[in-house]
């Protein structure tokens, strides 16, 4: 696939991030390299990051250099060869979304964000289809014999077509009578982690960040997932049990869109930071509030209605994309 901006021009001298350099923009618009922990100075307005799936590293130098030249960007910095690169910009390009669409066809994500404050001090994450690859309620419903019906409701709710709380109560009602023991079986046999999650948590926490798992799902799952991944705390809804079986009810109040926003505000206040110093990640309509409030709200493999309202969209990368977006290189990752 060819695009107008993908033309071979004089390449820049590739910048090796191991030199711990950063690009600064001066008033006259000139770019200069300065040694400063690999981060961009605040005089620079924007950073463009191109990234792809680490399991399929298809990001080519010609793609990065063609776009960098077309937009008059600073020297390209490869955060991970074949997977992620970035360069500086002084203004948002007018054809930003046209280029984004073209790159999607190449299996490449493009994110442009303000340069200042990219490194975040708080990660607040959704769980279902974000930190794990499944929707927990759909897996429970499958065990109860109503999987297809519940999955249809889930998809509509996550795309914003249904009221979240009403849809949750309806789906939980269909689980009435399911043995409590099935929850542990689902976690053991059906739930898989989203690639990159452990590295994301380990790297951010090693650099002083706090991590909270805030889900519209259930505490029986978030507790287990938070423990495996290393979250500092977790919040979710509680399934009501009686005599070792699900009653078909969920404890009130339901943790939905507003509660996720409240969680972000409360945790940030407790840490003594602003919401701008937080990175939020999610995929469903009930995540939009916290995605909009956080300094960096990332729609990860998100539903169409969610992507439409988010500037930071990751469709091809895994959870390590959130590290690249903060300027971390692969060499900085904590395994």
Protein backbone atom coordinates (compact mmCIF):
# COMPACT_ATOMS: atom_id res chain seq x y z
CA UNK A 1 0.00 0.00 0.00
CA UNK A 2 1.34 3.40 -0.98
CA UNK A 3 0.46 6.82 0.40
CA UNK A 4 1.49 10.32 -0.74
CA UNK A 5 3.73 10.81 2.27
CA UNK A 6 5.51 7.47 1.79
CA UNK A 7 8.25 8.64 -0.53
CA UNK A 8 11.94 8.01 -0.19
CA UNK A 9 13.70 11.19 0.87
CA UNK A 10 16.96 11.94 2.56
CA UNK A 11 16.85 9.94 5.79
CA UNK A 12 17.80 11.48 9.09
CA UNK A 13 20.69 10.14 11.09
CA UNK A 14 19.05 7.44 13.18
CA UNK A 15 19.16 8.26 16.86
CA UNK A 16 20.24 5.52 19.22
CA UNK A 17 18.24 5.84 22.41
CA UNK A 18 21.03 4.14 24.34
CA UNK A 19 22.85 7.50 24.07
CA UNK A 20 20.14 8.82 26.42
CA UNK A 21 19.41 11.83 24.26
CA UNK A 22 16.31 13.91 23.90
CA UNK A 23 15.18 16.41 21.30
CA UNK A 24 14.45 20.00 22.24
CA UNK A 25 12.67 22.60 20.14
CA UNK A 26 13.96 26.12 20.33
CA UNK A 27 11.95 29.30 19.58
CA UNK A 28 13.26 29.52 16.02
CA UNK A 29 11.92 26.02 15.36
CA UNK A 30 15.33 24.39 15.22
CA UNK A 31 15.84 20.93 16.64
CA UNK A 32 18.80 20.11 18.82
CA UNK A 33 19.90 16.99 20.64
CA UNK A 34 20.63 17.18 24.33
CA UNK A 35 21.53 14.49 26.83
CA UNK A 36 18.68 14.23 29.30
CA UNK A 37 17.46 10.75 30.28
CA UNK A 38 15.97 10.00 26.88
CA UNK A 39 13.00 12.35 27.35
CA UNK A 40 11.78 15.27 25.25
CA UNK A 41 12.07 18.76 26.70
CA UNK A 42 8.86 20.65 27.33
CA UNK A 43 9.56 23.29 24.68
CA UNK A 44 8.65 20.68 22.12
CA UNK A 45 4.93 20.44 21.41
CA UNK A 46 4.17 16.90 20.25
CA UNK A 47 5.56 13.39 19.87
CA UNK A 48 4.49 11.04 17.09
CA UNK A 49 4.84 7.35 17.95
CA UNK A 50 4.51 4.56 15.41
CA UNK A 51 4.21 1.03 16.75
CA UNK A 52 3.01 -2.43 15.85
CA UNK A 53 2.53 -5.88 17.32
CA UNK A 54 5.83 -7.07 18.86
CA UNK A 55 4.95 -10.60 17.75
CA UNK A 56 4.85 -9.35 14.15
CA UNK A 57 7.42 -6.53 13.85
CA UNK A 58 6.40 -4.96 10.53
CA UNK A 59 7.37 -1.33 11.18
CA UNK A 60 9.85 -0.39 8.46
CA UNK A 61 12.38 2.43 8.42
CA UNK A 62 11.01 3.78 5.13
CA UNK A 63 7.58 4.19 6.74
CA UNK A 64 8.97 6.12 9.69
CA UNK A 65 11.35 8.26 7.63
CA UNK A 66 8.80 9.09 4.94
CA UNK A 67 6.31 10.30 7.51
CA UNK A 68 8.97 12.14 9.51
CA UNK A 69 10.11 14.00 6.40
CA UNK A 70 6.58 14.74 5.21
CA UNK A 71 5.71 16.29 8.55
CA UNK A 72 9.05 18.01 9.15
CA UNK A 73 9.70 16.05 12.30
CA UNK A 74 12.84 15.69 14.38
CA UNK A 75 15.23 12.76 14.11
CA UNK A 76 13.59 9.36 14.42
CA UNK A 77 14.33 7.43 17.60
CA UNK A 78 13.86 3.68 17.46
CA UNK A 79 12.48 2.44 20.76
CA UNK A 80 12.50 -1.14 19.48
CA UNK A 81 13.64 -1.93 15.91
CA UNK A 82 10.76 -3.16 13.79
CA UNK A 83 8.26 -2.49 16.58
CA UNK A 84 8.25 1.13 17.77
CA UNK A 85 9.77 4.47 16.80
CA UNK A 86 9.04 8.12 17.57
CA UNK A 87 9.91 11.61 16.42
CA UNK A 88 9.18 15.15 17.50
CA UNK A 89 6.66 17.54 15.94
CA UNK A 90 6.01 21.22 16.49
CA UNK A 91 2.34 21.07 15.50
CA UNK A 92 -0.46 18.60 14.88
CA UNK A 93 -0.48 17.66 11.16
CA UNK A 94 -3.69 18.53 9.34
CA UNK A 95 -3.80 15.08 7.68
CA UNK A 96 -3.22 13.22 10.93
CA UNK A 97 -6.25 10.94 10.73
CA UNK A 98 -5.90 10.30 7.01
CA UNK A 99 -2.39 9.04 7.68
CA UNK A 100 -3.59 7.08 10.71
CA UNK A 101 -6.13 5.27 8.54
CA UNK A 102 -3.53 4.42 5.92
CA UNK A 103 -1.14 3.04 8.52
CA UNK A 104 -3.86 0.84 9.98
CA UNK A 105 -3.84 -1.04 6.70
CA UNK A 106 -0.13 -1.70 7.20
CA UNK A 107 -0.67 -3.05 10.70
CA UNK A 108 0.83 0.07 12.28
CA UNK A 109 -0.60 2.31 15.00
CA UNK A 110 0.09 6.05 15.01
CA UNK A 111 -0.32 8.11 18.16
CA UNK A 112 0.40 11.83 18.48
CA UNK A 113 0.37 13.37 21.93
CA UNK A 114 1.79 16.35 23.81
CA UNK A 115 5.46 15.94 24.64
CA UNK A 116 5.23 17.32 28.15
CA UNK A 117 4.52 14.90 30.97
CA UNK A 118 4.46 11.66 28.97
CA UNK A 119 5.84 9.58 31.83
CA UNK A 120 2.89 8.84 34.10
CA UNK A 121 2.77 8.25 37.84
CA UNK A 122 -0.49 6.31 37.89
CA UNK A 123 -1.83 3.50 35.73
CA UNK A 124 -5.54 2.84 35.99
CA UNK A 125 -6.70 -0.09 33.90
CA UNK A 126 -9.85 -1.90 32.90
CA UNK A 127 -9.63 -5.69 33.14
CA UNK A 128 -11.88 -7.51 30.66
CA UNK A 129 -10.53 -7.43 27.09
CA UNK A 130 -7.79 -5.10 28.35
CA UNK A 131 -5.57 -6.76 30.95
CA UNK A 132 -7.04 -10.15 30.06
CA UNK A 133 -8.20 -11.39 26.67
CA UNK A 134 -11.70 -12.42 27.69
CA UNK A 135 -14.91 -11.00 29.16
CA UNK A 136 -15.31 -12.82 32.47
CA UNK A 137 -19.09 -12.70 32.50
CA UNK A 138 -19.21 -14.26 29.05
CA UNK A 139 -17.04 -17.14 30.25
CA UNK A 140 -19.27 -17.69 33.28
CA UNK A 141 -22.33 -17.54 31.06
CA UNK A 142 -20.85 -20.16 28.77
CA UNK A 143 -20.50 -22.46 31.76
CA UNK A 144 -24.14 -21.75 32.60
CA UNK A 145 -25.26 -22.62 29.07
CA UNK A 146 -26.25 -19.08 28.07
CA UNK A 147 -22.93 -17.98 26.57
CA UNK A 148 -24.05 -16.76 23.15
CA UNK A 149 -26.96 -14.76 24.55
CA UNK A 150 -24.86 -13.06 27.23
CA UNK A 151 -21.97 -12.39 24.83
CA UNK A 152 -24.36 -10.51 22.56
CA UNK A 153 -25.53 -8.31 25.41
CA UNK A 154 -21.92 -7.71 26.50
CA UNK A 155 -20.86 -6.60 23.02
CA UNK A 156 -23.74 -4.12 22.78
CA UNK A 157 -23.12 -2.77 26.27
CA UNK A 158 -19.40 -2.29 25.67
CA UNK A 159 -20.13 -0.44 22.44
CA UNK A 160 -22.42 1.95 24.32
CA UNK A 161 -25.65 0.65 22.80
CA UNK A 162 -27.13 -0.43 26.16
CA UNK A 163 -27.18 1.04 29.65
CA UNK A 164 -24.23 -0.59 31.41
CA UNK A 165 -25.85 -1.13 34.80
CA UNK A 166 -29.09 -2.54 33.42
CA UNK A 167 -27.17 -4.83 31.06
CA UNK A 168 -24.97 -6.05 33.92
CA UNK A 169 -27.96 -6.89 36.12
CA UNK A 170 -29.63 -8.73 33.24
CA UNK A 171 -26.54 -10.81 32.52
CA UNK A 172 -25.83 -11.61 36.17
CA UNK A 173 -29.45 -12.71 36.54
CA UNK A 174 -28.83 -15.39 33.94
CA UNK A 175 -26.06 -16.85 36.12
CA UNK A 176 -28.43 -17.72 38.98
CA UNK A 177 -27.68 -21.12 40.45
CA UNK A 178 -24.16 -21.41 39.01
CA UNK A 179 -21.84 -23.04 41.58
CA UNK A 180 -19.27 -20.70 43.14
CA UNK A 181 -16.56 -23.26 42.30
CA UNK A 182 -17.03 -22.50 38.60
CA UNK A 183 -15.36 -19.10 39.11
CA UNK A 184 -12.03 -20.68 40.05
CA UNK A 185 -12.37 -23.14 37.16
CA UNK A 186 -12.94 -20.29 34.69
CA UNK A 187 -9.92 -18.38 35.99
CA UNK A 188 -7.77 -21.50 35.71
CA UNK A 189 -8.99 -22.84 32.37
CA UNK A 190 -10.40 -19.96 30.37
CA UNK A 191 -8.70 -16.70 31.34
CA UNK A 192 -5.50 -15.63 29.58
CA UNK A 193 -3.50 -12.47 30.17
CA UNK A 194 -3.21 -9.82 27.49
CA UNK A 195 0.37 -9.89 26.11
CA UNK A 196 2.65 -7.28 27.63
CA UNK A 197 0.71 -6.76 30.85
CA UNK A 198 3.33 -8.04 33.26
CA UNK A 199 6.08 -5.98 31.61
CA UNK A 200 3.88 -2.87 31.62
CA UNK A 201 3.20 -3.17 35.34
CA UNK A 202 6.77 -4.11 36.30
CA UNK A 203 8.31 -1.27 34.29
CA UNK A 204 5.99 1.46 35.46
CA UNK A 205 6.20 0.37 39.09
CA UNK A 206 10.00 0.17 38.90
CA UNK A 207 9.87 3.82 37.84
CA UNK A 208 7.71 4.86 40.76
CA UNK A 209 4.19 4.53 39.37
CA UNK A 210 1.13 3.21 41.21
CA UNK A 211 -1.21 0.74 39.48
CA UNK A 212 -4.93 0.20 40.02
CA UNK A 213 -7.19 -2.34 38.33
CA UNK A 214 -10.71 -0.88 38.09
CA UNK A 215 -13.25 -3.13 36.44
CA UNK A 216 -16.94 -3.31 35.71
CA UNK A 217 -16.45 -7.04 36.17
CA UNK A 218 -16.20 -8.90 39.44
CA UNK A 219 -13.93 -8.91 42.48
CA UNK A 220 -13.62 -12.69 42.28
CA UNK A 221 -11.64 -12.12 39.09
CA UNK A 222 -9.91 -8.80 39.73
CA UNK A 223 -8.38 -10.06 42.95
CA UNK A 224 -6.74 -12.96 41.15
CA UNK A 225 -5.64 -10.95 38.11
CA UNK A 226 -4.32 -8.06 40.21
CA UNK A 227 -2.21 -10.49 42.19
CA UNK A 228 -0.72 -12.13 39.12
CA UNK A 229 0.09 -8.86 37.35
CA UNK A 230 1.21 -6.84 40.38
CA UNK A 231 -1.50 -4.18 40.70
CA UNK A 232 -1.42 -2.22 43.95
CA UNK A 233 -5.19 -2.32 44.33
CA UNK A 234 -8.31 -3.47 42.54
CA UNK A 235 -11.96 -2.43 42.45
CA UNK A 236 -14.90 -4.22 40.85
CA UNK A 237 -18.45 -5.44 41.39
CA UNK A 238 -19.31 -8.19 43.85
CA UNK A 239 -21.35 -11.25 42.91
CA UNK A 240 -23.75 -12.25 45.69
CA UNK A 241 -23.47 -15.87 46.82
CA UNK A 242 -25.72 -18.05 48.92
CA UNK A 243 -25.15 -21.68 49.87
CA UNK A 244 -22.19 -21.88 47.51
CA UNK A 245 -24.12 -20.68 44.46
CA UNK A 246 -24.62 -17.40 42.61
CA UNK A 247 -27.94 -15.77 43.46
CA UNK A 248 -28.17 -13.95 40.15
CA UNK A 249 -27.63 -10.61 41.88
CA UNK A 250 -24.78 -8.15 42.11
CA UNK A 251 -24.06 -5.98 45.15
CA UNK A 252 -24.96 -2.32 44.93
CA UNK A 253 -23.81 0.23 44.00
CA UNK A 254 -22.65 -1.08 40.65
CA UNK A 255 -19.19 -0.02 39.55
CA UNK A 256 -19.79 1.50 36.13
CA UNK A 257 -18.57 4.49 34.14
CA UNK A 258 -19.01 7.07 36.90
CA UNK A 259 -17.35 4.83 39.49
CA UNK A 260 -14.28 4.44 37.29
CA UNK A 261 -13.96 8.22 37.07
CA UNK A 262 -14.39 8.45 40.83
CA UNK A 263 -11.70 5.80 41.34
CA UNK A 264 -9.24 7.78 39.20
CA UNK A 265 -10.00 10.98 41.11
CA UNK A 266 -9.76 9.33 44.52
CA UNK A 267 -6.53 7.48 43.84
CA UNK A 268 -4.86 10.50 42.25
CA UNK A 269 -5.85 12.67 45.21
CA UNK A 270 -4.52 10.08 47.65
CA UNK A 271 -1.21 10.00 45.78
CA UNK A 272 -1.05 13.79 45.70
CA UNK A 273 -1.03 13.98 41.91
CA UNK A 274 -3.38 15.31 39.26
CA UNK A 275 -5.40 13.23 36.81
CA UNK A 276 -3.07 14.57 34.11
CA UNK A 277 -0.33 12.44 35.61
CA UNK A 278 -2.36 9.27 35.06
CA UNK A 279 -2.57 6.87 32.16
CA UNK A 280 -5.87 5.03 31.75
CA UNK A 281 -6.49 2.09 29.44
CA UNK A 282 -9.71 0.37 28.43
CA UNK A 283 -11.82 -0.87 25.56
CA UNK A 284 -15.48 -0.31 26.43
CA UNK A 285 -17.99 2.53 26.59
CA UNK A 286 -17.93 2.39 30.39
CA UNK A 287 -14.23 3.31 30.22
CA UNK A 288 -14.75 6.56 28.32
CA UNK A 289 -15.07 8.72 31.41
CA UNK A 290 -11.72 7.73 32.88
CA UNK A 291 -10.08 7.71 29.45
CA UNK A 292 -11.17 11.30 28.94
CA UNK A 293 -10.10 12.44 32.40
CA UNK A 294 -6.64 10.87 32.47
CA UNK A 295 -3.66 12.70 31.02
CA UNK A 296 -3.28 9.80 28.59
CA UNK A 297 -6.40 7.76 27.87
CA UNK A 298 -5.57 4.78 25.67
CA UNK A 299 -8.29 2.92 23.77
CA UNK A 300 -6.77 -0.56 23.50
CA UNK A 301 -8.30 -2.81 20.84
CA UNK A 302 -11.43 -0.83 21.63
CA UNK A 303 -14.99 -0.92 20.41
CA UNK A 304 -15.73 1.45 17.46
CA UNK A 305 -17.73 3.92 19.55
CA UNK A 306 -14.86 4.15 22.03
CA UNK A 307 -12.20 4.68 19.38
CA UNK A 308 -14.29 7.45 17.89
CA UNK A 309 -13.91 9.46 21.11
CA UNK A 310 -10.23 8.78 21.83
CA UNK A 311 -7.12 10.24 20.23
CA UNK A 312 -4.79 7.57 21.65
CA UNK A 313 -5.77 4.35 19.89
CA UNK A 314 -3.84 1.09 19.91
CA UNK A 315 -5.26 -1.57 17.61
CA UNK A 316 -2.13 -3.54 16.68
CA UNK A 317 0.26 -3.23 19.59
CA UNK A 318 -0.05 -5.11 22.86
CA UNK A 319 0.12 -3.63 26.37
CA UNK A 320 3.79 -2.75 25.95
CA UNK A 321 2.49 -0.05 23.59
CA UNK A 322 1.65 1.94 26.71
CA UNK A 323 5.36 1.96 27.59
CA UNK A 324 6.43 3.08 24.13
CA UNK A 325 3.87 5.89 24.33
CA UNK A 326 5.60 7.09 27.49
CA UNK A 327 8.97 7.09 25.76
CA UNK A 328 10.34 3.87 27.25
CA UNK A 329 12.64 1.91 24.97
CA UNK A 330 12.66 -1.91 24.91
CA UNK A 331 15.99 -1.73 26.77
CA UNK A 332 14.18 0.02 29.65
CA UNK A 333 11.60 -2.73 30.09
CA UNK A 334 11.57 -4.64 33.37
CA UNK A 335 10.77 -8.27 32.62
